[in-house]
Structures are given as structure tokens and as C-alpha cells.
Amino acid sequence: VRDYLHVVDLAKGHVAAVKRAVQSPCVEAINLGTGEGVSVLQMIEAF
């Protein structure tokens, strides 16, 4: 089971990170995921 994230959502996360970086100095680790797990067989069935 893994947390699968659409690449366009991920790309938008980078734009949001650029906007945050401009606001004020910070050093932060941030997870980018959906918070939901999908199994291999579930992914096969969805596809």
C-alpha cells in the first residue's frame, strides 16, 4: 500500500512552496501526499 499523488498536484505544491519561500525565512520539511493508501491490486482495478 502506497500514497499515490497526482503529478499536477505535486507541481502545484512547488508553486505554493515558492510563494512561501518569498514570505519570510524558514527551513521546513513538508510532506506532499494525499494521506490515503492504495494497494497494488486496487491500482490495477482502478486503471
PDB file of all heavy atoms in Angstrom:
ATOM      1  N   VAL A   1       0.850  -1.194   0.000  1.00  0.00           N
ATOM      2  CA  VAL A   1       0.000   0.000   0.000  1.00  0.00           C
ATOM      3  C   VAL A   1       0.883   1.240   0.000  1.00  0.00           C
ATOM      4  O   VAL A   1       1.811   1.355   0.805  1.00  0.00           O
ATOM      5  CB  VAL A   1      -0.932   0.008   1.225  1.00  0.00           C
ATOM      6  CG1 VAL A   1      -1.657   1.339   1.363  1.00  0.00           C
ATOM      7  CG2 VAL A   1      -1.938  -1.137   1.132  1.00  0.00           C
ATOM      8  N   ARG A   2       0.587   2.185  -0.922  1.00  0.00           N
ATOM      9  CA  ARG A   2       1.360   3.416  -1.034  1.00  0.00           C
ATOM     10  C   ARG A   2       0.442   4.625  -1.185  1.00  0.00           C
ATOM     11  O   ARG A   2      -0.734   4.503  -1.544  1.00  0.00           O
ATOM     12  CB  ARG A   2       2.307   3.355  -2.248  1.00  0.00           C
ATOM     13  CG  ARG A   2       3.360   2.257  -2.176  1.00  0.00           C
ATOM     14  CD  ARG A   2       4.388   2.513  -1.093  1.00  0.00           C
ATOM     15  NE  ARG A   2       5.432   1.495  -1.075  1.00  0.00           N
ATOM     16  CZ  ARG A   2       5.384   0.381  -0.345  1.00  0.00           C
ATOM     17  NH1 ARG A   2       4.311   0.135   0.426  1.00  0.00           N
ATOM     18  NH2 ARG A   2       6.376  -0.482  -0.373  1.00  0.00           N
ATOM     19  N   ASP A   3       1.013   5.785  -0.943  1.00  0.00           N
ATOM     20  CA  ASP A   3       0.301   7.062  -1.069  1.00  0.00           C
ATOM     21  C   ASP A   3       0.628   7.630  -2.453  1.00  0.00           C
ATOM     22  O   ASP A   3       1.721   8.141  -2.674  1.00  0.00           O
ATOM     23  CB  ASP A   3       0.780   8.007   0.041  1.00  0.00           C
ATOM     24  CG  ASP A   3      -0.016   9.294   0.127  1.00  0.00           C
ATOM     25  OD1 ASP A   3      -0.620   9.698  -0.890  1.00  0.00           O
ATOM     26  OD2 ASP A   3      -0.019   9.910   1.209  1.00  0.00           O
ATOM     27  N   TYR A   4      -0.319   7.519  -3.373  1.00  0.00           N
ATOM     28  CA  TYR A   4      -0.109   7.991  -4.749  1.00  0.00           C
ATOM     29  C   TYR A   4      -0.670   9.395  -4.915  1.00  0.00           C
ATOM     30  O   TYR A   4      -1.796   9.677  -4.505  1.00  0.00           O
ATOM     31  CB  TYR A   4      -0.767   7.037  -5.748  1.00  0.00           C
ATOM     32  CG  TYR A   4      -0.124   5.677  -5.757  1.00  0.00           C
ATOM     33  CD1 TYR A   4      -0.678   4.617  -5.032  1.00  0.00           C
ATOM     34  CD2 TYR A   4       1.052   5.436  -6.460  1.00  0.00           C
ATOM     35  CE1 TYR A   4      -0.085   3.363  -5.026  1.00  0.00           C
ATOM     36  CE2 TYR A   4       1.657   4.185  -6.455  1.00  0.00           C
ATOM     37  CZ  TYR A   4       1.080   3.156  -5.734  1.00  0.00           C
ATOM     38  OH  TYR A   4       1.683   1.923  -5.713  1.00  0.00           O
ATOM     39  N   LEU A   5       0.124  10.253  -5.547  1.00  0.00           N
ATOM     40  CA  LEU A   5      -0.170  11.679  -5.663  1.00  0.00           C
ATOM     41  C   LEU A   5      -0.100  12.091  -7.121  1.00  0.00           C
ATOM     42  O   LEU A   5       0.878  11.762  -7.811  1.00  0.00           O
ATOM     43  CB  LEU A   5       0.866  12.464  -4.845  1.00  0.00           C
ATOM     44  CG  LEU A   5       0.915  13.979  -4.974  1.00  0.00           C
ATOM     45  CD1 LEU A   5      -0.339  14.597  -4.361  1.00  0.00           C
ATOM     46  CD2 LEU A   5       2.161  14.524  -4.273  1.00  0.00           C
ATOM     47  N   HIS A   6      -1.111  12.805  -7.602  1.00  0.00           N
ATOM     48  CA  HIS A   6      -1.091  13.263  -8.994  1.00  0.00           C
ATOM     49  C   HIS A   6       0.044  14.259  -9.199  1.00  0.00           C
ATOM     50  O   HIS A   6       0.243  15.179  -8.411  1.00  0.00           O
ATOM     51  CB  HIS A   6      -2.428  13.911  -9.354  1.00  0.00           C
ATOM     52  CG  HIS A   6      -2.669  14.020 -10.822  1.00  0.00           C
ATOM     53  ND1 HIS A   6      -1.890  14.791 -11.657  1.00  0.00           N
ATOM     54  CD2 HIS A   6      -3.605  13.443 -11.635  1.00  0.00           C
ATOM     55  CE1 HIS A   6      -2.335  14.695 -12.896  1.00  0.00           C
ATOM     56  NE2 HIS A   6      -3.371  13.873 -12.911  1.00  0.00           N
ATOM     57  N   VAL A   7       0.783  14.092 -10.290  1.00  0.00           N
ATOM     58  CA  VAL A   7       1.953  14.934 -10.540  1.00  0.00           C
ATOM     59  C   VAL A   7       1.577  16.407 -10.697  1.00  0.00           C
ATOM     60  O   VAL A   7       2.380  17.291 -10.359  1.00  0.00           O
ATOM     61  CB  VAL A   7       2.732  14.418 -11.771  1.00  0.00           C
ATOM     62  CG1 VAL A   7       1.932  14.591 -13.052  1.00  0.00           C
ATOM     63  CG2 VAL A   7       4.098  15.073 -11.886  1.00  0.00           C
ATOM     64  N   VAL A   8       0.385  16.695 -11.177  1.00  0.00           N
ATOM     65  CA  VAL A   8      -0.030  18.098 -11.294  1.00  0.00           C
ATOM     66  C   VAL A   8      -0.272  18.691  -9.911  1.00  0.00           C
ATOM     67  O   VAL A   8       0.097  19.845  -9.644  1.00  0.00           O
ATOM     68  CB  VAL A   8      -1.265  18.238 -12.201  1.00  0.00           C
ATOM     69  CG1 VAL A   8      -1.818  19.662 -12.158  1.00  0.00           C
ATOM     70  CG2 VAL A   8      -0.913  17.862 -13.638  1.00  0.00           C
ATOM     71  N   ASP A   9      -0.870  17.931  -9.002  1.00  0.00           N
ATOM     72  CA  ASP A   9      -0.981  18.396  -7.618  1.00  0.00           C
ATOM     73  C   ASP A   9       0.403  18.643  -7.030  1.00  0.00           C
ATOM     74  O   ASP A   9       0.639  19.647  -6.333  1.00  0.00           O
ATOM     75  CB  ASP A   9      -1.730  17.368  -6.763  1.00  0.00           C
ATOM     76  CG  ASP A   9      -3.243  17.453  -6.901  1.00  0.00           C
ATOM     77  OD1 ASP A   9      -3.757  18.535  -7.248  1.00  0.00           O
ATOM     78  OD2 ASP A   9      -3.918  16.436  -6.651  1.00  0.00           O
ATOM     79  N   LEU A  10       1.326  17.728  -7.305  1.00  0.00           N
ATOM     80  CA  LEU A  10       2.690  17.882  -6.796  1.00  0.00           C
ATOM     81  C   LEU A  10       3.336  19.141  -7.362  1.00  0.00           C
ATOM     82  O   LEU A  10       3.984  19.902  -6.632  1.00  0.00           O
ATOM     83  CB  LEU A  10       3.513  16.647  -7.173  1.00  0.00           C
ATOM     84  CG  LEU A  10       4.980  16.630  -6.752  1.00  0.00           C
ATOM     85  CD1 LEU A  10       5.133  16.811  -5.254  1.00  0.00           C
ATOM     86  CD2 LEU A  10       5.644  15.330  -7.208  1.00  0.00           C
ATOM     87  N   ALA A  11       3.149  19.382  -8.650  1.00  0.00           N
ATOM     88  CA  ALA A  11       3.709  20.586  -9.276  1.00  0.00           C
ATOM     89  C   ALA A  11       3.139  21.845  -8.632  1.00  0.00           C
ATOM     90  O   ALA A  11       3.860  22.819  -8.374  1.00  0.00           O
ATOM     91  CB  ALA A  11       3.418  20.568 -10.770  1.00  0.00           C
ATOM     92  N   LYS A  12       1.850  21.830  -8.357  1.00  0.00           N
ATOM     93  CA  LYS A  12       1.228  22.985  -7.702  1.00  0.00           C
ATOM     94  C   LYS A  12       1.784  23.172  -6.290  1.00  0.00           C
ATOM     95  O   LYS A  12       1.876  24.307  -5.796  1.00  0.00           O
ATOM     96  CB  LYS A  12      -0.286  22.808  -7.668  1.00  0.00           C
ATOM     97  CG  LYS A  12      -0.916  22.933  -9.047  1.00  0.00           C
ATOM     98  CD  LYS A  12      -2.424  22.720  -9.013  1.00  0.00           C
ATOM     99  CE  LYS A  12      -3.017  22.902 -10.410  1.00  0.00           C
ATOM    100  NZ  LYS A  12      -4.485  22.654 -10.424  1.00  0.00           N
ATOM    101  N   GLY A  13       2.184  22.068  -5.651  1.00  0.00           N
ATOM    102  CA  GLY A  13       2.836  22.182  -4.355  1.00  0.00           C
ATOM    103  C   GLY A  13       4.142  22.948  -4.421  1.00  0.00           C
ATOM    104  O   GLY A  13       4.499  23.678  -3.490  1.00  0.00           O
ATOM    105  N   HIS A  14       4.860  22.823  -5.532  1.00  0.00           N
ATOM    106  CA  HIS A  14       6.106  23.569  -5.695  1.00  0.00           C
ATOM    107  C   HIS A  14       5.846  25.059  -5.892  1.00  0.00           C
ATOM    108  O   HIS A  14       6.609  25.894  -5.391  1.00  0.00           O
ATOM    109  CB  HIS A  14       6.909  23.012  -6.872  1.00  0.00           C
ATOM    110  CG  HIS A  14       7.504  21.675  -6.581  1.00  0.00           C
ATOM    111  ND1 HIS A  14       6.762  20.517  -6.604  1.00  0.00           N
ATOM    112  CD2 HIS A  14       8.763  21.302  -6.228  1.00  0.00           C
ATOM    113  CE1 HIS A  14       7.544  19.504  -6.275  1.00  0.00           C
ATOM    114  NE2 HIS A  14       8.757  19.952  -6.043  1.00  0.00           N
ATOM    115  N   VAL A  15       4.796  25.384  -6.622  1.00  0.00           N
ATOM    116  CA  VAL A  15       4.435  26.799  -6.756  1.00  0.00           C
ATOM    117  C   VAL A  15       4.083  27.373  -5.392  1.00  0.00           C
ATOM    118  O   VAL A  15       4.514  28.482  -5.033  1.00  0.00           O
ATOM    119  CB  VAL A  15       3.267  26.970  -7.747  1.00  0.00           C
ATOM    120  CG1 VAL A  15       2.824  28.427  -7.803  1.00  0.00           C
ATOM    121  CG2 VAL A  15       3.667  26.490  -9.137  1.00  0.00           C
ATOM    122  N   ALA A  16       3.333  26.617  -4.602  1.00  0.00           N
ATOM    123  CA  ALA A  16       2.989  27.069  -3.247  1.00  0.00           C
ATOM    124  C   ALA A  16       4.241  27.229  -2.396  1.00  0.00           C
ATOM    125  O   ALA A  16       4.336  28.157  -1.576  1.00  0.00           O
ATOM    126  CB  ALA A  16       2.022  26.080  -2.599  1.00  0.00           C
ATOM    127  N   ALA A  17       5.230  26.345  -2.584  1.00  0.00           N
ATOM    128  CA  ALA A  17       6.477  26.438  -1.814  1.00  0.00           C
ATOM    129  C   ALA A  17       7.267  27.680  -2.206  1.00  0.00           C
ATOM    130  O   ALA A  17       7.869  28.347  -1.339  1.00  0.00           O
ATOM    131  CB  ALA A  17       7.316  25.180  -2.029  1.00  0.00           C
ATOM    132  N   VAL A  18       7.289  28.019  -3.493  1.00  0.00           N
ATOM    133  CA  VAL A  18       7.968  29.252  -3.926  1.00  0.00           C
ATOM    134  C   VAL A  18       7.309  30.458  -3.264  1.00  0.00           C
ATOM    135  O   VAL A  18       8.000  31.357  -2.743  1.00  0.00           O
ATOM    136  CB  VAL A  18       7.925  29.379  -5.466  1.00  0.00           C
ATOM    137  CG1 VAL A  18       8.391  30.764  -5.898  1.00  0.00           C
ATOM    138  CG2 VAL A  18       8.795  28.296  -6.115  1.00  0.00           C
ATOM    139  N   LYS A  19       6.000  30.494  -3.261  1.00  0.00           N
ATOM    140  CA  LYS A  19       5.287  31.622  -2.654  1.00  0.00           C
ATOM    141  C   LYS A  19       5.594  31.712  -1.163  1.00  0.00           C
ATOM    142  O   LYS A  19       5.767  32.808  -0.616  1.00  0.00           O
ATOM    143  CB  LYS A  19       3.786  31.477  -2.895  1.00  0.00           C
ATOM    144  CG  LYS A  19       3.388  31.629  -4.355  1.00  0.00           C
ATOM    145  CD  LYS A  19       1.896  31.393  -4.563  1.00  0.00           C
ATOM    146  CE  LYS A  19       1.512  31.582  -6.024  1.00  0.00           C
ATOM    147  NZ  LYS A  19       0.079  31.286  -6.288  1.00  0.00           N
ATOM    148  N   ARG A  20       5.695  30.565  -0.496  1.00  0.00           N
ATOM    149  CA  ARG A  20       6.011  30.571   0.945  1.00  0.00           C
ATOM    150  C   ARG A  20       7.448  31.016   1.180  1.00  0.00           C
ATOM    151  O   ARG A  20       7.737  31.746   2.137  1.00  0.00           O
ATOM    152  CB  ARG A  20       5.784  29.183   1.534  1.00  0.00           C
ATOM    153  CG  ARG A  20       6.154  29.055   3.008  1.00  0.00           C
ATOM    154  CD  ARG A  20       5.325  29.999   3.862  1.00  0.00           C
ATOM    155  NE  ARG A  20       5.747  30.018   5.252  1.00  0.00           N
ATOM    156  CZ  ARG A  20       6.743  30.759   5.737  1.00  0.00           C
ATOM    157  NH1 ARG A  20       7.459  31.541   4.920  1.00  0.00           N
ATOM    158  NH2 ARG A  20       7.038  30.733   7.020  1.00  0.00           N
ATOM    159  N   ALA A  21       8.356  30.592   0.317  1.00  0.00           N
ATOM    160  CA  ALA A  21       9.766  30.954   0.483  1.00  0.00           C
ATOM    161  C   ALA A  21       9.981  32.452   0.399  1.00  0.00           C
ATOM    162  O   ALA A  21      10.891  33.000   1.037  1.00  0.00           O
ATOM    163  CB  ALA A  21      10.611  30.243  -0.578  1.00  0.00           C
ATOM    164  N   VAL A  22       9.141  33.126  -0.370  1.00  0.00           N
ATOM    165  CA  VAL A  22       9.280  34.572  -0.540  1.00  0.00           C
ATOM    166  C   VAL A  22       8.787  35.334   0.689  1.00  0.00           C
ATOM    167  O   VAL A  22       9.253  36.433   0.979  1.00  0.00           O
ATOM    168  CB  VAL A  22       8.496  35.021  -1.804  1.00  0.00           C
ATOM    169  CG1 VAL A  22       8.411  36.534  -1.900  1.00  0.00           C
ATOM    170  CG2 VAL A  22       9.147  34.448  -3.057  1.00  0.00           C
ATOM    171  N   GLN A  23       7.889  34.750   1.439  1.00  0.00           N
ATOM    172  CA  GLN A  23       7.242  35.472   2.538  1.00  0.00           C
ATOM    173  C   GLN A  23       8.213  35.830   3.656  1.00  0.00           C
ATOM    174  O   GLN A  23       8.263  36.973   4.107  1.00  0.00           O
ATOM    175  CB  GLN A  23       6.083  34.639   3.109  1.00  0.00           C
ATOM    176  CG  GLN A  23       4.903  34.508   2.163  1.00  0.00           C
ATOM    177  CD  GLN A  23       3.832  33.590   2.712  1.00  0.00           C
ATOM    178  OE1 GLN A  23       3.877  33.193   3.880  1.00  0.00           O
ATOM    179  NE2 GLN A  23       2.871  33.228   1.880  1.00  0.00           N
ATOM    180  N   SER A  24       8.970  34.836   4.129  1.00  0.00           N
ATOM    181  CA  SER A  24       9.897  35.066   5.240  1.00  0.00           C
ATOM    182  C   SER A  24      10.846  33.875   5.330  1.00  0.00           C
ATOM    183  O   SER A  24      10.510  32.777   4.882  1.00  0.00           O
ATOM    184  CB  SER A  24       9.147  35.235   6.564  1.00  0.00           C
ATOM    185  OG  SER A  24       8.393  34.072   6.866  1.00  0.00           O
ATOM    186  N   PRO A  25      12.025  34.061   5.919  1.00  0.00           N
ATOM    187  CA  PRO A  25      12.983  32.956   6.016  1.00  0.00           C
ATOM    188  C   PRO A  25      12.411  31.790   6.822  1.00  0.00           C
ATOM    189  O   PRO A  25      11.723  31.986   7.831  1.00  0.00           O
ATOM    190  CB  PRO A  25      14.175  33.582   6.734  1.00  0.00           C
ATOM    191  CG  PRO A  25      14.054  35.050   6.480  1.00  0.00           C
ATOM    192  CD  PRO A  25      12.584  35.329   6.438  1.00  0.00           C
ATOM    193  N   CYS A  26      12.693  30.589   6.366  1.00  0.00           N
ATOM    194  CA  CYS A  26      12.261  29.397   7.086  1.00  0.00           C
ATOM    195  C   CYS A  26      13.051  28.209   6.561  1.00  0.00           C
ATOM    196  O   CYS A  26      13.577  28.249   5.442  1.00  0.00           O
ATOM    197  CB  CYS A  26      10.757  29.141   6.901  1.00  0.00           C
ATOM    198  SG  CYS A  26      10.271  28.797   5.198  1.00  0.00           S
ATOM    199  N   VAL A  27      13.168  27.177   7.365  1.00  0.00           N
ATOM    200  CA  VAL A  27      13.735  25.903   6.925  1.00  0.00           C
ATOM    201  C   VAL A  27      12.773  24.829   7.412  1.00  0.00           C
ATOM    202  O   VAL A  27      12.676  24.566   8.616  1.00  0.00           O
ATOM    203  CB  VAL A  27      15.143  25.665   7.499  1.00  0.00           C
ATOM    204  CG1 VAL A  27      15.691  24.328   7.019  1.00  0.00           C
ATOM    205  CG2 VAL A  27      16.087  26.797   7.102  1.00  0.00           C
ATOM    206  N   GLU A  28      12.025  24.236   6.478  1.00  0.00           N
ATOM    207  CA  GLU A  28      10.968  23.310   6.859  1.00  0.00           C
ATOM    208  C   GLU A  28      10.923  22.108   5.930  1.00  0.00           C
ATOM    209  O   GLU A  28      11.032  22.247   4.711  1.00  0.00           O
ATOM    210  CB  GLU A  28       9.595  24.004   6.813  1.00  0.00           C
ATOM    211  CG  GLU A  28       9.403  25.083   7.857  1.00  0.00           C
ATOM    212  CD  GLU A  28       9.342  24.560   9.286  1.00  0.00           C
ATOM    213  OE1 GLU A  28       8.987  23.372   9.473  1.00  0.00           O
ATOM    214  OE2 GLU A  28       9.645  25.344  10.202  1.00  0.00           O
ATOM    215  N   ALA A  29      10.761  20.925   6.518  1.00  0.00           N
ATOM    216  CA  ALA A  29      10.446  19.713   5.762  1.00  0.00           C
ATOM    217  C   ALA A  29       8.931  19.571   5.718  1.00  0.00           C
ATOM    218  O   ALA A  29       8.250  19.749   6.744  1.00  0.00           O
ATOM    219  CB  ALA A  29      11.064  18.492   6.432  1.00  0.00           C
ATOM    220  N   ILE A  30       8.401  19.253   4.537  1.00  0.00           N
ATOM    221  CA  ILE A  30       6.953  19.184   4.362  1.00  0.00           C
ATOM    222  C   ILE A  30       6.613  17.978   3.492  1.00  0.00           C
ATOM    223  O   ILE A  30       7.138  17.824   2.391  1.00  0.00           O
ATOM    224  CB  ILE A  30       6.402  20.475   3.717  1.00  0.00           C
ATOM    225  CG1 ILE A  30       6.697  21.674   4.625  1.00  0.00           C
ATOM    226  CG2 ILE A  30       4.909  20.355   3.452  1.00  0.00           C
ATOM    227  CD1 ILE A  30       6.272  23.006   4.047  1.00  0.00           C
ATOM    228  N   ASN A  31       5.728  17.137   3.998  1.00  0.00           N
ATOM    229  CA  ASN A  31       5.235  16.001   3.222  1.00  0.00           C
ATOM    230  C   ASN A  31       4.278  16.471   2.133  1.00  0.00           C
ATOM    231  O   ASN A  31       3.398  17.303   2.382  1.00  0.00           O
ATOM    232  CB  ASN A  31       4.455  15.031   4.113  1.00  0.00           C
ATOM    233  CG  ASN A  31       5.335  14.224   5.043  1.00  0.00           C
ATOM    234  OD1 ASN A  31       6.535  14.073   4.811  1.00  0.00           O
ATOM    235  ND2 ASN A  31       4.746  13.678   6.097  1.00  0.00           N
ATOM    236  N   LEU A  32       4.418  15.911   0.941  1.00  0.00           N
ATOM    237  CA  LEU A  32       3.439  16.113  -0.119  1.00  0.00           C
ATOM    238  C   LEU A  32       2.865  14.746  -0.486  1.00  0.00           C
ATOM    239  O   LEU A  32       3.533  13.922  -1.118  1.00  0.00           O
ATOM    240  CB  LEU A  32       4.058  16.789  -1.335  1.00  0.00           C
ATOM    241  CG  LEU A  32       4.550  18.228  -1.140  1.00  0.00           C
ATOM    242  CD1 LEU A  32       5.050  18.811  -2.452  1.00  0.00           C
ATOM    243  CD2 LEU A  32       3.467  19.131  -0.552  1.00  0.00           C
ATOM    244  N   GLY A  33       1.648  14.522  -0.051  1.00  0.00           N
ATOM    245  CA  GLY A  33       0.942  13.273  -0.313  1.00  0.00           C
ATOM    246  C   GLY A  33      -0.542  13.500  -0.130  1.00  0.00           C
ATOM    247  O   GLY A  33      -0.977  14.601   0.216  1.00  0.00           O
ATOM    248  N   THR A  34      -1.325  12.453  -0.339  1.00  0.00           N
ATOM    249  CA  THR A  34      -2.776  12.583  -0.196  1.00  0.00           C
ATOM    250  C   THR A  34      -3.247  12.232   1.208  1.00  0.00           C
ATOM    251  O   THR A  34      -4.340  12.620   1.614  1.00  0.00           O
ATOM    252  CB  THR A  34      -3.510  11.662  -1.181  1.00  0.00           C
ATOM    253  OG1 THR A  34      -3.232  10.296  -0.848  1.00  0.00           O
ATOM    254  CG2 THR A  34      -3.076  11.939  -2.609  1.00  0.00           C
ATOM    255  N   GLY A  35      -2.433  11.434   1.915  1.00  0.00           N
ATOM    256  CA  GLY A  35      -2.863  10.946   3.218  1.00  0.00           C
ATOM    257  C   GLY A  35      -3.700   9.689   3.133  1.00  0.00           C
ATOM    258  O   GLY A  35      -4.264   9.242   4.140  1.00  0.00           O
ATOM    259  N   GLU A  36      -3.779   9.087   1.947  1.00  0.00           N
ATOM    260  CA  GLU A  36      -4.553   7.860   1.763  1.00  0.00           C
ATOM    261  C   GLU A  36      -3.698   6.806   1.075  1.00  0.00           C
ATOM    262  O   GLU A  36      -2.927   7.118   0.165  1.00  0.00           O
ATOM    263  CB  GLU A  36      -5.801   8.121   0.916  1.00  0.00           C
ATOM    264  CG  GLU A  36      -6.778   9.099   1.551  1.00  0.00           C
ATOM    265  CD  GLU A  36      -7.989   9.332   0.696  1.00  0.00           C
ATOM    266  OE1 GLU A  36      -8.105   8.680  -0.370  1.00  0.00           O
ATOM    267  OE2 GLU A  36      -8.837  10.157   1.080  1.00  0.00           O
ATOM    268  N   GLY A  37      -3.844   5.563   1.486  1.00  0.00           N
ATOM    269  CA  GLY A  37      -3.091   4.471   0.893  1.00  0.00           C
ATOM    270  C   GLY A  37      -3.904   3.713  -0.142  1.00  0.00           C
ATOM    271  O   GLY A  37      -5.111   3.527   0.018  1.00  0.00           O
ATOM    272  N   VAL A  38      -3.230   3.289  -1.206  1.00  0.00           N
ATOM    273  CA  VAL A  38      -3.848   2.497  -2.275  1.00  0.00           C
ATOM    274  C   VAL A  38      -2.964   1.274  -2.502  1.00  0.00           C
ATOM    275  O   VAL A  38      -1.743   1.404  -2.644  1.00  0.00           O
ATOM    276  CB  VAL A  38      -3.971   3.316  -3.575  1.00  0.00           C
ATOM    277  CG1 VAL A  38      -4.510   2.448  -4.714  1.00  0.00           C
ATOM    278  CG2 VAL A  38      -4.856   4.537  -3.365  1.00  0.00           C
ATOM    279  N   SER A  39      -3.567   0.084  -2.561  1.00  0.00           N
ATOM    280  CA  SER A  39      -2.784  -1.131  -2.777  1.00  0.00           C
ATOM    281  C   SER A  39      -2.500  -1.336  -4.260  1.00  0.00           C
ATOM    282  O   SER A  39      -3.121  -0.714  -5.137  1.00  0.00           O
ATOM    283  CB  SER A  39      -3.527  -2.348  -2.220  1.00  0.00           C
ATOM    284  OG  SER A  39      -4.598  -2.715  -3.085  1.00  0.00           O
ATOM    285  N   VAL A  40      -1.580  -2.240  -4.543  1.00  0.00           N
ATOM    286  CA  VAL A  40      -1.247  -2.554  -5.936  1.00  0.00           C
ATOM    287  C   VAL A  40      -2.476  -3.074  -6.673  1.00  0.00           C
ATOM    288  O   VAL A  40      -2.793  -2.640  -7.791  1.00  0.00           O
ATOM    289  CB  VAL A  40      -0.101  -3.585  -6.003  1.00  0.00           C
ATOM    290  CG1 VAL A  40       0.146  -4.033  -7.443  1.00  0.00           C
ATOM    291  CG2 VAL A  40       1.170  -3.012  -5.398  1.00  0.00           C
ATOM    292  N   LEU A  41      -3.207  -3.989  -6.054  1.00  0.00           N
ATOM    293  CA  LEU A  41      -4.388  -4.547  -6.723  1.00  0.00           C
ATOM    294  C   LEU A  41      -5.486  -3.496  -6.883  1.00  0.00           C
ATOM    295  O   LEU A  41      -6.198  -3.498  -7.901  1.00  0.00           O
ATOM    296  CB  LEU A  41      -4.913  -5.760  -5.947  1.00  0.00           C
ATOM    297  CG  LEU A  41      -4.003  -6.986  -5.937  1.00  0.00           C
ATOM    298  CD1 LEU A  41      -4.668  -8.150  -5.208  1.00  0.00           C
ATOM    299  CD2 LEU A  41      -3.609  -7.417  -7.349  1.00  0.00           C
ATOM    300  N   GLN A  42      -5.626  -2.605  -5.934  1.00  0.00           N
ATOM    301  CA  GLN A  42      -6.594  -1.514  -6.085  1.00  0.00           C
ATOM    302  C   GLN A  42      -6.219  -0.609  -7.255  1.00  0.00           C
ATOM    303  O   GLN A  42      -7.089  -0.145  -8.002  1.00  0.00           O
ATOM    304  CB  GLN A  42      -6.684  -0.702  -4.792  1.00  0.00           C
ATOM    305  CG  GLN A  42      -7.410  -1.399  -3.669  1.00  0.00           C
ATOM    306  CD  GLN A  42      -7.331  -0.630  -2.362  1.00  0.00           C
ATOM    307  OE1 GLN A  42      -6.354   0.059  -2.081  1.00  0.00           O
ATOM    308  NE2 GLN A  42      -8.377  -0.752  -1.539  1.00  0.00           N
ATOM    309  N   MET A  43      -4.928  -0.355  -7.424  1.00  0.00           N
ATOM    310  CA  MET A  43      -4.481   0.475  -8.535  1.00  0.00           C
ATOM    311  C   MET A  43      -4.764  -0.225  -9.865  1.00  0.00           C
ATOM    312  O   MET A  43      -5.225   0.413 -10.835  1.00  0.00           O
ATOM    313  CB  MET A  43      -2.984   0.775  -8.402  1.00  0.00           C
ATOM    314  CG  MET A  43      -2.434   1.655  -9.510  1.00  0.00           C
ATOM    315  SD  MET A  43      -3.124   3.317  -9.518  1.00  0.00           S
ATOM    316  CE  MET A  43      -2.181   4.041  -8.154  1.00  0.00           C
ATOM    317  N   ILE A  44      -4.506  -1.518  -9.940  1.00  0.00           N
ATOM    318  CA  ILE A  44      -4.796  -2.264 -11.163  1.00  0.00           C
ATOM    319  C   ILE A  44      -6.275  -2.177 -11.503  1.00  0.00           C
ATOM    320  O   ILE A  44      -6.662  -1.911 -12.656  1.00  0.00           O
ATOM    321  CB  ILE A  44      -4.351  -3.734 -11.018  1.00  0.00           C
ATOM    322  CG1 ILE A  44      -2.824  -3.829 -10.915  1.00  0.00           C
ATOM    323  CG2 ILE A  44      -4.870  -4.573 -12.188  1.00  0.00           C
ATOM    324  CD1 ILE A  44      -2.325  -5.217 -10.550  1.00  0.00           C
ATOM    325  N   GLU A  45      -7.132  -2.385 -10.506  1.00  0.00           N
ATOM    326  CA  GLU A  45      -8.570  -2.342 -10.751  1.00  0.00           C
ATOM    327  C   GLU A  45      -9.030  -0.952 -11.165  1.00  0.00           C
ATOM    328  O   GLU A  45      -9.892  -0.803 -12.038  1.00  0.00           O
ATOM    329  CB  GLU A  45      -9.330  -2.822  -9.514  1.00  0.00           C
ATOM    330  CG  GLU A  45      -9.189  -4.307  -9.245  1.00  0.00           C
ATOM    331  CD  GLU A  45      -9.605  -5.156 -10.450  1.00  0.00           C
ATOM    332  OE1 GLU A  45     -10.695  -4.907 -10.997  1.00  0.00           O
ATOM    333  OE2 GLU A  45      -8.833  -6.054 -10.836  1.00  0.00           O
ATOM    334  N   ALA A  46      -8.474   0.087 -10.552  1.00  0.00           N
ATOM    335  CA  ALA A  46      -8.845   1.459 -10.916  1.00  0.00           C
ATOM    336  C   ALA A  46      -8.452   1.747 -12.358  1.00  0.00           C
ATOM    337  O   ALA A  46      -9.222   2.356 -13.121  1.00  0.00           O
ATOM    338  CB  ALA A  46      -8.181   2.455  -9.968  1.00  0.00           C
ATOM    339  N   PHE A  47      -7.268   1.311 -12.749  1.00  0.00           N
ATOM    340  CA  PHE A  47      -6.811   1.563 -14.118  1.00  0.00           C
ATOM    341  C   PHE A  47      -7.664   0.801 -15.125  1.00  0.00           C
ATOM    342  O   PHE A  47      -8.027   1.334 -16.189  1.00  0.00           O
ATOM    343  CB  PHE A  47      -5.340   1.194 -14.272  1.00  0.00           C
ATOM    344  CG  PHE A  47      -4.691   1.823 -15.469  1.00  0.00           C
ATOM    345  CD1 PHE A  47      -4.063   3.053 -15.359  1.00  0.00           C
ATOM    346  CD2 PHE A  47      -4.715   1.206 -16.716  1.00  0.00           C
ATOM    347  CE1 PHE A  47      -3.469   3.654 -16.464  1.00  0.00           C
ATOM    348  CE2 PHE A  47      -4.124   1.794 -17.826  1.00  0.00           C
ATOM    349  CZ  PHE A  47      -3.500   3.028 -17.697  1.00  0.00           C
TER     350      PHE A  47
END
